[in-house]
């Protein structure tokens, strides 16, 4: 028997060649696997349906969400990433996760097809089991974009639009603000699919400010994306009168991508100004979202508030808007005012005060817009306010005021009836936002007949002053009058005075000769005690001074050559 014998050198070369080919194959396989890992289908999702719900490959939940439910997290490449909606709930359920924050892209330009576009809602969203409500749970005609941005951070998996018309959905932003997140393995873009997808491909890509492609585009075949579970949905016709499907099970999918998958790198990221999603005409989207901190995008989120009849409520609408560090409260504006109330905006804090119209109760809404610094990029959100019906302590019939030249203001008001009323507060403001208690007047308590009131308060100055009444009943409930705007056309410098005199904690100075003059306080020995007082309110009508740190005694207040004595108790 003959044997083939290789020389040591030839054997060594043979094994080297075999090793090289193995490494080459391994490298090509690893490169392909790495590229595949930059985008694709998530393998599990976590939502707040029923408080907590999860479903995914190999563990499909038999429970079908049937109402609004928000994406709490998802699994990608074996790692759970939270969305920031409720990380505490994930921790409570023992889920280990990488904490992130995701926000739905602001959407403005989606359109319906000539027929076959539906609003998808959890089948109990309208409160009707195995049917639809009348009227529908949305305004007609509907604003389709709101169904892609509603809910906490816009991540409501239980609302959306099915069969959106073909075309580009454009998401504009100022740029990519953190290039270190490119290629970090954490998904930067999320796209949902919640109905019956077709095999026609969607396309998603990034562009510059002129719409030119930056990097490369990606195609999405939703039929090949992992099915992660099902939900039970009603698919409303856009007129709200009928539904194409009722209590119908549909598959849930989630496609994710890292910026690296789009061909974005340190050499081209500064060119990116827009993300475009080219729909095929049969796309079914609950939301498309981005990782906060990657894109420079202002995103406003809807808010809710509650108050009682004729009681104001202050709404901090910017608290849940992102990103907080670029929001500019001075750019806050009202796009659509409430139908049954009035609003006041604080341009410093971004808070909005809402006052229901007299006798109104029910649901009211308004739409605001917030922009980033410089007003270059903006978004809008809807605020819904529930005004509770209460038994009012009184009914206002009339409230008027008259400016008495060089003296002050005479107020007159009439109540139609009073129940359990305690007193009225006279409140004044020079800007309509910050209110100060001026006087307190006793109320009648109980009456089924009209009661007339009159009250005078001294006030000197120049400009416009706002006045309102706040009624307090014996149970500490409140009711506000309308707001009066009263104009003081001349400044009476001769009526320079201080009160109350003697003073305990606060001393009011009226009729100042000029706001530019400094106020000084001296004791009877002539020692300057100005450092012991503080201004707590100043306008064209008066200045309030905090004098609590002064020792009891007689003091002299000077301003612009004028002097007044007052006593500190």
Protein backbone atom coordinates (compact mmCIF):
# COMPACT_ATOMS: atom_id res chain seq x y z
CA UNK A 1 0.00 0.00 0.00
CA UNK A 2 1.37 3.36 -0.99
CA UNK A 3 1.07 6.35 1.33
CA UNK A 4 1.26 9.98 0.36
CA UNK A 5 3.89 11.64 2.39
CA UNK A 6 4.20 15.47 2.44
CA UNK A 7 7.40 17.22 3.26
CA UNK A 8 7.33 19.31 6.45
CA UNK A 9 7.56 22.56 4.46
CA UNK A 10 4.72 21.59 2.16
CA UNK A 11 2.57 20.46 5.09
CA UNK A 12 3.18 23.75 6.85
CA UNK A 13 2.19 25.73 3.74
CA UNK A 14 -0.90 23.58 3.32
CA UNK A 15 -2.10 24.25 6.88
CA UNK A 16 -1.28 27.94 6.58
CA UNK A 17 -3.43 28.15 3.47
CA UNK A 18 -6.27 26.30 5.17
CA UNK A 19 -6.01 28.63 8.19
CA UNK A 20 -5.99 31.71 5.96
CA UNK A 21 -9.14 30.58 4.13
CA UNK A 22 -10.87 29.84 7.42
CA UNK A 23 -10.01 33.28 8.76
CA UNK A 24 -11.19 34.89 5.52
CA UNK A 25 -14.51 33.05 5.65
CA UNK A 26 -14.88 33.92 9.34
CA UNK A 27 -14.09 37.59 8.62
CA UNK A 28 -16.60 37.77 5.78
CA UNK A 29 -19.25 36.07 7.91
CA UNK A 30 -18.53 38.36 10.87
CA UNK A 31 -18.64 41.46 8.66
CA UNK A 32 -21.96 40.39 7.17
CA UNK A 33 -23.35 39.64 10.62
CA UNK A 34 -22.13 42.98 11.95
CA UNK A 35 -23.75 44.86 9.09
CA UNK A 36 -27.00 42.92 9.63
CA UNK A 37 -26.97 43.89 13.28
CA UNK A 38 -27.22 47.61 12.52
CA UNK A 39 -30.91 47.35 11.56
CA UNK A 40 -33.77 44.86 11.54
CA UNK A 41 -36.67 43.60 13.63
CA UNK A 42 -36.80 43.77 17.41
CA UNK A 43 -37.35 40.42 19.12
CA UNK A 44 -39.62 41.53 22.00
CA UNK A 45 -41.63 44.52 23.13
CA UNK A 46 -42.80 45.76 26.54
CA UNK A 47 -45.84 48.04 26.94
CA UNK A 48 -48.05 49.37 29.74
CA UNK A 49 -51.21 47.54 28.66
CA UNK A 50 -52.91 46.51 31.91
CA UNK A 51 -49.96 48.06 33.72
CA UNK A 52 -47.40 45.74 32.15
CA UNK A 53 -47.44 43.53 29.05
CA UNK A 54 -44.66 41.83 27.11
CA UNK A 55 -44.56 39.61 24.05
CA UNK A 56 -41.92 38.47 21.59
CA UNK A 57 -40.34 35.70 19.57
CA UNK A 58 -40.68 32.40 21.37
CA UNK A 59 -42.98 33.91 23.98
CA UNK A 60 -45.98 35.38 22.14
CA UNK A 61 -48.49 36.64 24.70
CA UNK A 62 -52.04 35.22 24.46
CA UNK A 63 -53.32 38.60 25.74
CA UNK A 64 -54.27 41.08 23.01
CA UNK A 65 -54.00 44.76 24.03
CA UNK A 66 -57.29 46.47 23.21
CA UNK A 67 -56.78 50.13 24.17
CA UNK A 68 -54.05 52.74 24.30
CA UNK A 69 -50.77 51.27 25.49
CA UNK A 70 -47.31 52.80 25.38
CA UNK A 71 -44.00 51.25 24.42
CA UNK A 72 -41.92 50.86 27.59
CA UNK A 73 -39.02 49.00 25.99
CA UNK A 74 -37.89 46.53 23.35
CA UNK A 75 -35.27 43.83 22.86
CA UNK A 76 -32.63 44.18 20.16
CA UNK A 77 -29.61 41.88 19.80
CA UNK A 78 -30.32 40.38 23.21
CA UNK A 79 -30.41 43.71 25.06
CA UNK A 80 -33.55 45.37 26.44
CA UNK A 81 -33.65 49.11 25.78
CA UNK A 82 -36.13 51.24 27.71
CA UNK A 83 -37.95 54.19 26.12
CA UNK A 84 -38.12 56.39 29.20
CA UNK A 85 -41.93 56.21 29.40
CA UNK A 86 -41.89 54.25 32.67
CA UNK A 87 -38.51 52.78 33.57
CA UNK A 88 -39.76 52.23 37.10
CA UNK A 89 -42.33 49.70 35.90
CA UNK A 90 -39.68 47.71 34.03
CA UNK A 91 -37.56 47.64 37.19
CA UNK A 92 -40.58 46.58 39.26
CA UNK A 93 -41.13 43.66 36.88
CA UNK A 94 -37.50 42.56 37.24
CA UNK A 95 -36.48 43.52 33.70
CA UNK A 96 -32.80 44.42 33.27
CA UNK A 97 -32.47 47.15 30.68
CA UNK A 98 -30.30 49.83 29.16
CA UNK A 99 -32.03 53.15 30.00
CA UNK A 100 -32.78 55.32 26.95
CA UNK A 101 -35.31 57.97 25.99
CA UNK A 102 -37.27 57.76 22.73
CA UNK A 103 -39.73 60.28 21.31
CA UNK A 104 -42.09 60.07 18.33
CA UNK A 105 -40.97 62.14 15.37
CA UNK A 106 -43.15 65.24 14.90
CA UNK A 107 -45.37 64.48 11.88
CA UNK A 108 -47.20 67.01 9.74
CA UNK A 109 -47.55 65.77 6.17
CA UNK A 110 -49.37 62.44 5.97
CA UNK A 111 -52.35 62.02 3.67
CA UNK A 112 -55.15 59.57 3.11
CA UNK A 113 -55.68 57.54 -0.04
CA UNK A 114 -58.78 58.11 -2.16
CA UNK A 115 -60.19 55.10 -0.33
CA UNK A 116 -58.95 52.48 2.09
CA UNK A 117 -57.16 54.65 4.68
CA UNK A 118 -58.34 53.87 8.22
CA UNK A 119 -57.76 55.08 11.76
CA UNK A 120 -56.65 52.13 13.87
CA UNK A 121 -57.64 52.20 17.53
CA UNK A 122 -57.63 49.63 20.30
CA UNK A 123 -61.10 48.11 20.13
CA UNK A 124 -62.03 49.49 23.56
CA UNK A 125 -60.51 52.93 22.89
CA UNK A 126 -64.01 54.23 22.07
CA UNK A 127 -65.56 52.51 25.10
CA UNK A 128 -67.62 50.11 22.95
CA UNK A 129 -66.88 46.38 22.95
CA UNK A 130 -67.16 44.77 19.51
CA UNK A 131 -68.57 47.93 17.95
CA UNK A 132 -67.94 51.62 17.29
CA UNK A 133 -69.09 54.71 19.14
CA UNK A 134 -71.40 57.48 17.97
CA UNK A 135 -69.96 60.07 17.79
CA UNK A 136 -66.50 58.66 16.99
CA UNK A 137 -63.69 59.20 19.49
CA UNK A 138 -61.97 61.75 17.24
CA UNK A 139 -62.95 65.00 15.46
CA UNK A 140 -64.20 64.76 11.87
CA UNK A 141 -62.41 65.35 9.58
CA UNK A 142 -59.50 63.90 11.55
CA UNK A 143 -55.97 65.25 11.67
CA UNK A 144 -54.17 62.03 10.79
CA UNK A 145 -50.79 63.15 12.08
CA UNK A 146 -52.10 63.34 15.67
CA UNK A 147 -52.55 59.55 15.74
CA UNK A 148 -48.81 59.12 15.08
CA UNK A 149 -47.72 61.42 17.91
CA UNK A 150 -50.27 60.89 20.70
CA UNK A 151 -49.71 59.37 24.11
CA UNK A 152 -46.71 59.55 26.41
CA UNK A 153 -43.72 60.76 24.36
CA UNK A 154 -45.87 59.99 21.32
CA UNK A 155 -45.31 56.24 21.82
CA UNK A 156 -48.92 54.99 21.89
CA UNK A 157 -48.96 51.56 20.21
CA UNK A 158 -52.77 51.48 20.39
CA UNK A 159 -53.49 54.31 17.93
CA UNK A 160 -52.31 54.89 14.39
CA UNK A 161 -53.18 55.13 10.72
CA UNK A 162 -53.50 52.17 8.34
CA UNK A 163 -52.87 52.36 4.58
CA UNK A 164 -51.31 55.82 4.54
CA UNK A 165 -51.07 57.27 1.01
CA UNK A 166 -47.81 56.70 -0.84
CA UNK A 167 -45.29 59.54 -0.55
CA UNK A 168 -42.54 60.96 1.62
CA UNK A 169 -43.10 61.67 5.29
CA UNK A 170 -40.50 64.32 6.11
CA UNK A 171 -38.96 64.83 9.55
CA UNK A 172 -36.84 67.99 9.64
CA UNK A 173 -34.33 68.84 12.35
CA UNK A 174 -31.28 71.01 12.91
CA UNK A 175 -28.80 68.16 12.67
CA UNK A 176 -27.16 65.26 14.46
CA UNK A 177 -25.97 66.69 17.76
CA UNK A 178 -23.99 63.76 19.18
CA UNK A 179 -21.84 61.90 16.61
CA UNK A 180 -20.42 59.66 19.34
CA UNK A 181 -23.69 57.74 19.26
CA UNK A 182 -23.16 56.67 15.65
CA UNK A 183 -22.38 52.96 15.57
CA UNK A 184 -22.80 52.47 19.33
CA UNK A 185 -25.12 49.51 18.75
CA UNK A 186 -28.11 51.27 20.32
CA UNK A 187 -30.99 51.81 17.86
CA UNK A 188 -31.49 55.46 16.91
CA UNK A 189 -34.67 55.09 14.79
CA UNK A 190 -37.80 52.99 15.49
CA UNK A 191 -40.63 52.28 13.01
CA UNK A 192 -43.82 50.43 14.02
CA UNK A 193 -46.19 48.29 11.95
CA UNK A 194 -49.55 47.34 13.45
CA UNK A 195 -51.80 45.84 10.76
CA UNK A 196 -51.44 43.71 7.62
CA UNK A 197 -48.31 44.76 5.71
CA UNK A 198 -47.74 44.19 2.02
CA UNK A 199 -44.48 42.96 0.50
CA UNK A 200 -44.05 46.30 -1.28
CA UNK A 201 -41.00 47.95 0.22
CA UNK A 202 -40.92 51.14 2.28
CA UNK A 203 -37.74 53.22 2.06
CA UNK A 204 -36.10 55.31 4.76
CA UNK A 205 -33.11 57.61 4.34
CA UNK A 206 -31.37 60.77 5.56
CA UNK A 207 -30.86 63.93 3.48
CA UNK A 208 -29.19 67.32 3.60
CA UNK A 209 -31.12 70.60 3.77
CA UNK A 210 -31.78 70.45 -0.02
CA UNK A 211 -33.21 66.93 0.12
CA UNK A 212 -30.10 65.24 -1.29
CA UNK A 213 -29.32 61.76 -0.01
CA UNK A 214 -26.61 61.54 2.66
CA UNK A 215 -25.15 58.06 3.11
CA UNK A 216 -27.43 55.29 1.86
CA UNK A 217 -31.11 54.45 1.99
CA UNK A 218 -32.62 51.39 3.68
CA UNK A 219 -35.64 49.42 2.53
CA UNK A 220 -38.15 47.86 4.90
CA UNK A 221 -40.10 44.77 3.96
CA UNK A 222 -42.51 44.61 6.89
CA UNK A 223 -43.59 41.07 5.99
CA UNK A 224 -40.11 39.85 6.93
CA UNK A 225 -39.93 41.79 10.21
CA UNK A 226 -40.50 39.67 13.32
CA UNK A 227 -44.09 39.36 14.55
CA UNK A 228 -43.92 40.22 18.25
CA UNK A 229 -47.56 39.77 19.29
CA UNK A 230 -51.08 40.81 18.40
CA UNK A 231 -53.57 43.48 19.41
CA UNK A 232 -57.34 43.80 19.00
CA UNK A 233 -58.35 46.82 16.93
CA UNK A 234 -61.18 48.76 15.32
CA UNK A 235 -60.35 50.33 11.96
CA UNK A 236 -62.55 53.40 11.57
CA UNK A 237 -63.48 55.01 8.29
CA UNK A 238 -62.24 58.60 8.23
CA UNK A 239 -65.78 59.99 8.43
CA UNK A 240 -66.27 58.14 11.72
CA UNK A 241 -69.61 56.67 10.60
CA UNK A 242 -68.44 53.12 9.98
CA UNK A 243 -65.54 50.74 10.42
CA UNK A 244 -63.90 48.40 7.96
CA UNK A 245 -62.99 45.99 10.77
CA UNK A 246 -64.18 45.71 14.36
CA UNK A 247 -62.43 43.86 17.21
CA UNK A 248 -60.01 42.46 14.68
CA UNK A 249 -56.67 40.86 15.68
CA UNK A 250 -53.60 42.32 13.96
CA UNK A 251 -49.86 41.65 14.22
CA UNK A 252 -47.43 44.00 15.96
CA UNK A 253 -43.93 44.57 14.56
CA UNK A 254 -41.04 46.91 15.40
CA UNK A 255 -38.17 47.76 13.02
CA UNK A 256 -35.07 49.47 14.44
CA UNK A 257 -31.87 50.95 13.01
CA UNK A 258 -28.59 52.48 14.12
CA UNK A 259 -27.40 55.60 12.27
CA UNK A 260 -24.47 53.56 11.00
CA UNK A 261 -26.89 51.49 8.91
CA UNK A 262 -27.68 54.64 6.89
CA UNK A 263 -24.02 55.09 6.00
CA UNK A 264 -23.64 57.96 8.45
CA UNK A 265 -20.16 58.50 9.83
CA UNK A 266 -17.88 61.23 11.19
CA UNK A 267 -17.22 62.40 7.64
CA UNK A 268 -20.81 63.18 6.65
CA UNK A 269 -22.95 63.48 9.80
CA UNK A 270 -22.78 67.30 9.76
CA UNK A 271 -24.63 67.34 6.42
CA UNK A 272 -27.73 65.60 7.79
CA UNK A 273 -30.82 67.82 8.20
CA UNK A 274 -33.78 65.55 7.51
CA UNK A 275 -35.07 61.98 7.74
CA UNK A 276 -37.49 60.86 5.05
CA UNK A 277 -39.75 57.85 5.14
CA UNK A 278 -41.02 56.91 1.67
CA UNK A 279 -44.28 55.03 2.14
CA UNK A 280 -45.55 52.47 -0.38
CA UNK A 281 -49.26 53.21 0.09
CA UNK A 282 -50.06 50.32 2.41
CA UNK A 283 -48.04 51.24 5.50
CA UNK A 284 -49.69 50.93 8.92
CA UNK A 285 -47.90 53.08 11.49
CA UNK A 286 -48.54 53.71 15.17
CA UNK A 287 -45.45 55.96 15.38
CA UNK A 288 -41.93 56.46 14.11
CA UNK A 289 -39.51 57.45 16.87
CA UNK A 290 -35.95 58.60 17.47
CA UNK A 291 -33.50 58.35 20.35
CA UNK A 292 -33.46 61.66 22.19
CA UNK A 293 -30.00 63.23 22.21
CA UNK A 294 -29.06 62.09 18.72
CA UNK A 295 -31.13 64.49 16.61
CA UNK A 296 -31.69 68.16 17.42
CA UNK A 297 -35.50 67.99 17.35
CA UNK A 298 -38.07 69.97 19.33
CA UNK A 299 -40.93 67.64 20.29
CA UNK A 300 -44.04 68.90 22.08
CA UNK A 301 -46.19 66.35 23.88
CA UNK A 302 -49.89 66.59 24.67
CA UNK A 303 -50.95 67.63 28.18
CA UNK A 304 -53.99 67.30 30.42
CA UNK A 305 -55.32 69.40 33.26
CA UNK A 306 -58.25 69.46 35.66
CA UNK A 307 -60.01 72.29 37.41
CA UNK A 308 -63.41 73.27 38.78
CA UNK A 309 -65.93 75.72 37.45
CA UNK A 310 -64.61 79.28 37.44
CA UNK A 311 -61.32 78.22 39.05
CA UNK A 312 -58.03 78.92 37.22
CA UNK A 313 -55.42 76.23 36.75
CA UNK A 314 -51.72 76.69 35.94
CA UNK A 315 -50.38 74.22 33.38
CA UNK A 316 -46.65 73.57 33.12
CA UNK A 317 -46.94 72.40 29.50
CA UNK A 318 -43.20 72.33 28.76
CA UNK A 319 -42.36 69.77 31.46
CA UNK A 320 -42.82 66.79 29.11
CA UNK A 321 -41.48 68.51 25.97
CA UNK A 322 -38.05 67.65 24.62
CA UNK A 323 -35.21 68.45 24.64
CA UNK A 324 -35.57 70.68 27.68
CA UNK A 325 -32.20 72.41 27.28
CA UNK A 326 -33.09 74.06 23.94
CA UNK A 327 -36.74 74.98 24.57
CA UNK A 328 -37.34 78.74 24.65
CA UNK A 329 -40.36 79.81 26.78
CA UNK A 330 -40.38 83.19 25.04
CA UNK A 331 -41.23 81.32 21.82
CA UNK A 332 -44.35 79.73 23.37
CA UNK A 333 -47.51 80.75 21.51
CA UNK A 334 -51.14 79.70 21.17
CA UNK A 335 -52.15 78.33 17.75
CA UNK A 336 -55.75 77.52 18.62
CA UNK A 337 -57.35 79.08 21.72
CA UNK A 338 -59.84 77.28 23.99
CA UNK A 339 -63.52 77.60 23.10
CA UNK A 340 -64.66 78.03 26.70
CA UNK A 341 -61.93 79.82 28.60
CA UNK A 342 -59.11 82.35 28.54
CA UNK A 343 -55.34 81.83 28.64
CA UNK A 344 -52.40 83.75 30.04
CA UNK A 345 -48.82 82.80 29.11
CA UNK A 346 -45.82 83.35 31.35
CA UNK A 347 -43.04 83.86 28.79
CA UNK A 348 -40.37 83.39 31.46
CA UNK A 349 -41.46 80.05 32.94
CA UNK A 350 -43.49 78.72 30.00
CA UNK A 351 -46.51 78.12 32.24
CA UNK A 352 -50.00 78.71 30.87
CA UNK A 353 -52.89 79.76 33.11
CA UNK A 354 -56.37 78.68 32.03
CA UNK A 355 -59.56 80.26 33.43
CA UNK A 356 -62.90 78.65 32.46
CA UNK A 357 -65.66 80.92 31.24
CA UNK A 358 -68.39 81.66 33.82
CA UNK A 359 -70.71 78.69 34.38
CA UNK A 360 -68.83 76.46 31.88
CA UNK A 361 -68.09 72.85 32.74
CA UNK A 362 -67.00 69.95 30.52
CA UNK A 363 -63.99 69.43 28.23
CA UNK A 364 -62.02 72.28 26.69
CA UNK A 365 -58.91 72.19 24.50
CA UNK A 366 -56.28 74.48 23.05
CA UNK A 367 -53.18 74.01 20.90
CA UNK A 368 -49.82 75.60 21.67
CA UNK A 369 -46.54 75.79 19.79
CA UNK A 370 -43.07 75.74 21.34
CA UNK A 371 -39.83 76.45 19.50
CA UNK A 372 -36.18 75.99 20.21
CA UNK A 373 -33.78 78.86 20.71
CA UNK A 374 -34.08 81.31 17.83
CA UNK A 375 -37.42 79.88 16.72
CA UNK A 376 -35.81 77.79 13.97
CA UNK A 377 -37.50 74.50 14.85
CA UNK A 378 -40.95 74.17 16.45
CA UNK A 379 -43.62 71.66 17.34
CA UNK A 380 -47.18 71.84 18.60
CA UNK A 381 -49.27 69.93 21.12
CA UNK A 382 -52.85 69.78 22.35
CA UNK A 383 -53.84 70.55 25.94
CA UNK A 384 -57.10 69.00 27.18
CA UNK A 385 -58.73 70.41 30.32
CA UNK A 386 -61.57 68.82 32.25
CA UNK A 387 -63.64 71.44 34.06
CA UNK A 388 -65.65 69.80 36.86
CA UNK A 389 -69.17 70.92 37.60
CA UNK A 390 -69.55 72.16 41.16
CA UNK A 391 -72.23 73.90 43.14
CA UNK A 392 -71.01 77.48 42.89
CA UNK A 393 -71.15 79.63 46.01
CA UNK A 394 -72.44 82.56 43.96
CA UNK A 395 -73.31 83.81 40.50
CA UNK A 396 -71.78 87.03 39.19
CA UNK A 397 -74.17 89.48 37.53
CA UNK A 398 -71.97 92.56 37.16
CA UNK A 399 -68.44 93.76 37.88
CA UNK A 400 -67.30 97.27 36.92
CA UNK A 401 -64.64 99.73 37.99
CA UNK A 402 -64.07 103.48 37.68
CA UNK A 403 -60.77 105.33 37.99
CA UNK A 404 -61.09 108.33 40.33
CA UNK A 405 -58.50 110.90 39.22
CA UNK A 406 -55.66 111.39 41.72
CA UNK A 407 -57.42 109.14 44.21
CA UNK A 408 -57.86 105.48 43.25
CA UNK A 409 -60.47 103.03 41.98
CA UNK A 410 -64.15 102.54 42.81
CA UNK A 411 -65.40 98.98 42.23
CA UNK A 412 -69.02 97.89 41.90
CA UNK A 413 -70.30 94.32 41.62
CA UNK A 414 -73.56 92.43 41.94
CA UNK A 415 -74.20 88.78 42.79
CA UNK A 416 -77.41 87.00 41.73
CA UNK A 417 -77.33 84.68 44.76
CA UNK A 418 -74.88 83.56 47.43
CA UNK A 419 -74.50 80.27 49.26
CA UNK A 420 -72.00 79.88 52.06
CA UNK A 421 -69.91 82.86 50.92
CA UNK A 422 -67.28 84.19 53.36
CA UNK A 423 -65.46 87.15 51.77
CA UNK A 424 -64.15 88.78 48.59
CA UNK A 425 -60.51 89.55 47.85
CA UNK A 426 -59.61 92.50 45.62
CA UNK A 427 -56.54 91.50 43.59
CA UNK A 428 -54.48 93.77 41.34
CA UNK A 429 -51.82 93.15 38.71
CA UNK A 430 -49.80 95.27 36.31
CA UNK A 431 -49.19 92.45 33.81
CA UNK A 432 -52.30 90.23 34.12
CA UNK A 433 -50.17 87.31 35.37
CA UNK A 434 -48.84 88.08 38.83
CA UNK A 435 -51.65 89.01 41.24
CA UNK A 436 -51.42 90.72 44.60
CA UNK A 437 -54.01 90.89 47.36
CA UNK A 438 -55.05 94.48 47.99
CA UNK A 439 -58.18 94.38 50.16
CA UNK A 440 -60.66 91.96 51.70
CA UNK A 441 -64.42 92.57 51.93
CA UNK A 442 -66.93 90.50 53.88
CA UNK A 443 -69.61 88.67 51.86
CA UNK A 444 -73.28 88.26 52.75
CA UNK A 445 -73.12 84.50 53.31
CA UNK A 446 -76.55 83.36 52.14
CA UNK A 447 -79.01 85.10 49.83
CA UNK A 448 -81.41 84.15 47.07
CA UNK A 449 -81.68 87.78 45.96
CA UNK A 450 -79.30 90.06 44.08
CA UNK A 451 -76.80 91.89 46.31
CA UNK A 452 -74.88 95.02 45.32
CA UNK A 453 -71.37 95.75 46.56
CA UNK A 454 -69.18 98.84 46.31
CA UNK A 455 -65.58 99.29 47.38
CA UNK A 456 -62.96 102.02 46.94
CA UNK A 457 -59.22 101.52 47.18
CA UNK A 458 -56.58 104.25 46.85
CA UNK A 459 -54.08 103.87 44.03
CA UNK A 460 -51.78 106.38 42.36
CA UNK A 461 -49.60 105.94 39.32
CA UNK A 462 -49.52 105.85 35.55
CA UNK A 463 -50.43 103.11 33.03
CA UNK A 464 -52.82 100.15 33.07
CA UNK A 465 -53.75 98.11 36.12
CA UNK A 466 -55.75 94.87 36.09
CA UNK A 467 -58.30 94.15 38.83
CA UNK A 468 -60.27 91.01 39.67
CA UNK A 469 -62.30 89.67 42.57
CA UNK A 470 -61.69 86.32 44.22
CA UNK A 471 -64.60 85.00 46.25
CA UNK A 472 -63.85 82.56 49.08
CA UNK A 473 -66.65 80.56 50.70
CA UNK A 474 -66.79 79.05 54.17
CA UNK A 475 -65.46 75.73 52.79
CA UNK A 476 -62.49 77.53 51.19
CA UNK A 477 -63.81 77.01 47.67
CA UNK A 478 -63.10 79.83 45.24
CA UNK A 479 -64.76 81.68 42.37
CA UNK A 480 -63.20 84.44 40.26
CA UNK A 481 -64.79 87.43 38.59
CA UNK A 482 -63.83 88.63 35.13
CA UNK A 483 -60.68 90.75 34.88
CA UNK A 484 -60.98 94.53 34.50
CA UNK A 485 -58.34 96.61 32.73
CA UNK A 486 -58.24 100.16 34.09
CA UNK A 487 -56.10 102.99 32.67
CA UNK A 488 -54.45 105.71 34.74
CA UNK A 489 -53.61 108.49 32.29
CA UNK A 490 -51.83 110.96 34.58
CA UNK A 491 -49.38 110.51 37.37
CA UNK A 492 -50.14 112.38 40.57
CA UNK A 493 -46.74 113.07 42.02
CA UNK A 494 -48.18 115.31 44.76
CA UNK A 495 -49.86 112.35 46.49
CA UNK A 496 -46.66 110.84 47.82
CA UNK A 497 -47.60 108.60 50.75
CA UNK A 498 -46.87 105.40 52.66
CA UNK A 499 -49.24 102.92 54.28
CA UNK A 500 -50.08 101.18 56.49
CA UNK A 501 -48.61 103.51 59.04
CA UNK A 502 -47.61 102.14 61.53
CA UNK A 503 -46.27 99.15 59.56
CA UNK A 504 -45.42 95.63 60.71
CA UNK A 505 -43.83 93.66 57.85
CA UNK A 506 -44.71 95.41 54.56
CA UNK A 507 -44.81 99.13 53.78
CA UNK A 508 -46.39 100.37 50.54
CA UNK A 509 -45.08 103.58 48.91
CA UNK A 510 -47.35 105.36 46.40
CA UNK A 511 -46.96 108.42 44.19
CA UNK A 512 -43.23 108.01 43.64
CA UNK A 513 -41.77 111.01 41.81
CA UNK A 514 -39.87 108.77 39.38
CA UNK A 515 -39.00 105.08 39.19
CA UNK A 516 -35.37 106.08 38.62
CA UNK A 517 -34.94 107.59 42.11
CA UNK A 518 -33.56 105.39 44.86
CA UNK A 519 -35.56 104.83 48.04
CA UNK A 520 -33.63 105.27 51.28
CA UNK A 521 -34.65 104.78 54.92
CA UNK A 522 -33.02 106.56 57.91
CA UNK A 523 -33.66 106.31 61.63
CA UNK A 524 -34.23 109.40 63.81
CA UNK A 525 -30.45 109.67 64.43
CA UNK A 526 -29.85 109.93 60.68
CA UNK A 527 -28.26 106.48 60.31
CA UNK A 528 -28.91 104.80 56.97
CA UNK A 529 -31.01 101.65 57.45
CA UNK A 530 -31.73 101.02 53.75
CA UNK A 531 -29.74 97.77 53.84
CA UNK A 532 -32.40 96.30 56.18
CA UNK A 533 -35.28 96.65 53.69
CA UNK A 534 -36.05 94.73 50.49
CA UNK A 535 -38.27 95.46 47.53
CA UNK A 536 -40.84 92.73 47.08
CA UNK A 537 -43.06 94.42 44.48
CA UNK A 538 -42.50 97.42 42.20
CA UNK A 539 -44.54 98.89 39.33
CA UNK A 540 -45.68 102.27 38.05
CA UNK A 541 -48.31 102.50 40.80
CA UNK A 542 -46.54 101.53 43.99
CA UNK A 543 -43.54 99.90 45.59
CA UNK A 544 -43.88 97.37 48.41
CA UNK A 545 -41.02 97.24 50.88
CA UNK A 546 -40.27 94.47 53.35
CA UNK A 547 -39.47 96.27 56.62
CA UNK A 548 -39.65 93.37 59.08
CA UNK A 549 -35.94 93.61 59.94
CA UNK A 550 -36.22 97.20 61.16
CA UNK A 551 -36.32 97.73 64.92
CA UNK A 552 -39.52 99.30 66.29
CA UNK A 553 -39.39 103.08 66.07
CA UNK A 554 -39.77 106.15 63.85
CA UNK A 555 -38.08 106.25 60.42
CA UNK A 556 -37.76 108.69 57.53
CA UNK A 557 -38.22 107.44 53.95
CA UNK A 558 -36.72 109.59 51.17
CA UNK A 559 -37.10 109.39 47.39
CA UNK A 560 -36.22 112.06 44.82
CA UNK A 561 -36.05 114.87 47.36
CA UNK A 562 -39.31 113.92 49.08
CA UNK A 563 -39.52 112.71 52.66
CA UNK A 564 -42.12 110.83 54.71
CA UNK A 565 -42.11 109.57 58.26
CA UNK A 566 -43.44 106.16 59.21
CA UNK A 567 -43.53 104.07 62.33
CA UNK A 568 -42.30 100.46 62.53
CA UNK A 569 -44.17 98.53 65.17
